């Protein structure tokens, strides 16, 4: 049964108490998929914004485990945590 059919069936059952958990699970899954789709889109378009040299440098940093602390980065950019 497809996801759309499951949702349709649940809604036809007028959201009986036993179906509320299912609706919540479906909503969480759909939100996850939406977020994952956004990241996939960002990854696909990455080459338009990052040069090959920058990409290689990022890969090198990832391999070495040289990551900047988020708080340090925000401070360096002059962004207050509360603004995010």
Protein backbone atom coordinates (compact mmCIF):
# COMPACT_ATOMS: atom_id res chain seq x y z
CA UNK A 1 0.00 0.00 0.00
CA UNK A 2 1.43 3.39 -0.96
CA UNK A 3 1.98 6.15 1.56
CA UNK A 4 -0.78 8.24 -0.03
CA UNK A 5 -3.23 5.33 0.23
CA UNK A 6 -2.32 4.77 3.90
CA UNK A 7 -2.95 8.44 4.70
CA UNK A 8 -6.22 8.37 2.75
CA UNK A 9 -7.38 5.26 4.65
CA UNK A 10 -6.49 6.80 8.01
CA UNK A 11 -8.33 10.00 7.19
CA UNK A 12 -11.39 8.05 6.07
CA UNK A 13 -11.34 6.29 9.44
CA UNK A 14 -11.82 9.75 11.00
CA UNK A 15 -8.61 9.57 13.03
CA UNK A 16 -9.58 7.01 15.58
CA UNK A 17 -7.24 7.05 18.60
CA UNK A 18 -5.30 4.03 17.37
CA UNK A 19 -4.53 5.88 14.12
CA UNK A 20 -3.15 9.06 15.69
CA UNK A 21 0.28 7.45 16.25
CA UNK A 22 0.31 6.33 12.62
CA UNK A 23 -0.46 9.85 11.41
CA UNK A 24 2.32 11.26 13.59
CA UNK A 25 4.77 8.64 12.29
CA UNK A 26 3.78 9.43 8.69
CA UNK A 27 4.19 13.17 9.27
CA UNK A 28 7.64 12.65 10.81
CA UNK A 29 8.65 10.45 7.89
CA UNK A 30 7.42 13.01 5.33
CA UNK A 31 9.31 15.79 7.12
CA UNK A 32 12.47 13.66 7.08
CA UNK A 33 12.05 12.95 3.37
CA UNK A 34 11.51 16.65 2.64
CA UNK A 35 14.69 17.53 4.54
CA UNK A 36 16.63 14.74 2.83
CA UNK A 37 15.39 15.91 -0.58
CA UNK A 38 16.64 19.44 0.21
CA UNK A 39 20.09 18.12 1.13
CA UNK A 40 20.18 16.04 -2.04
CA UNK A 41 19.30 19.14 -4.06
CA UNK A 42 22.04 21.13 -2.30
CA UNK A 43 24.56 18.35 -2.96
CA UNK A 44 23.59 18.21 -6.64
CA UNK A 45 24.05 21.98 -7.05
CA UNK A 46 27.27 22.14 -5.03
CA UNK A 47 29.47 22.19 -8.13
CA UNK A 48 27.86 25.47 -9.22
CA UNK A 49 28.99 27.25 -6.06
CA UNK A 50 32.20 25.51 -5.01
CA UNK A 51 35.23 25.32 -7.27
CA UNK A 52 36.99 22.00 -7.74
CA UNK A 53 39.96 23.34 -5.77
CA UNK A 54 37.70 24.31 -2.84
CA UNK A 55 35.96 20.92 -2.97
CA UNK A 56 39.29 19.10 -2.84
CA UNK A 57 40.37 21.28 0.09
CA UNK A 58 37.12 20.45 1.93
CA UNK A 59 37.63 16.74 1.29
CA UNK A 60 41.17 17.03 2.66
CA UNK A 61 39.88 18.75 5.80
CA UNK A 62 37.22 16.06 6.25
CA UNK A 63 39.80 13.29 5.91
CA UNK A 64 42.08 14.91 8.50
CA UNK A 65 39.19 15.61 10.85
CA UNK A 66 40.03 19.32 11.02
CA UNK A 67 36.66 20.81 11.81
CA UNK A 68 36.00 24.23 13.28
CA UNK A 69 33.86 24.49 16.39
CA UNK A 70 30.40 25.90 15.62
CA UNK A 71 30.63 28.48 18.41
CA UNK A 72 34.02 29.66 17.12
CA UNK A 73 32.65 29.95 13.60
CA UNK A 74 29.64 31.97 14.73
CA UNK A 75 31.90 34.26 16.75
CA UNK A 76 34.22 34.71 13.76
CA UNK A 77 31.26 35.56 11.51
CA UNK A 78 29.86 37.94 14.12
CA UNK A 79 26.61 36.01 14.47
CA UNK A 80 24.85 35.68 17.80
CA UNK A 81 23.57 32.15 18.52
CA UNK A 82 20.18 33.57 19.41
CA UNK A 83 19.83 35.01 15.88
CA UNK A 84 19.80 31.58 14.29
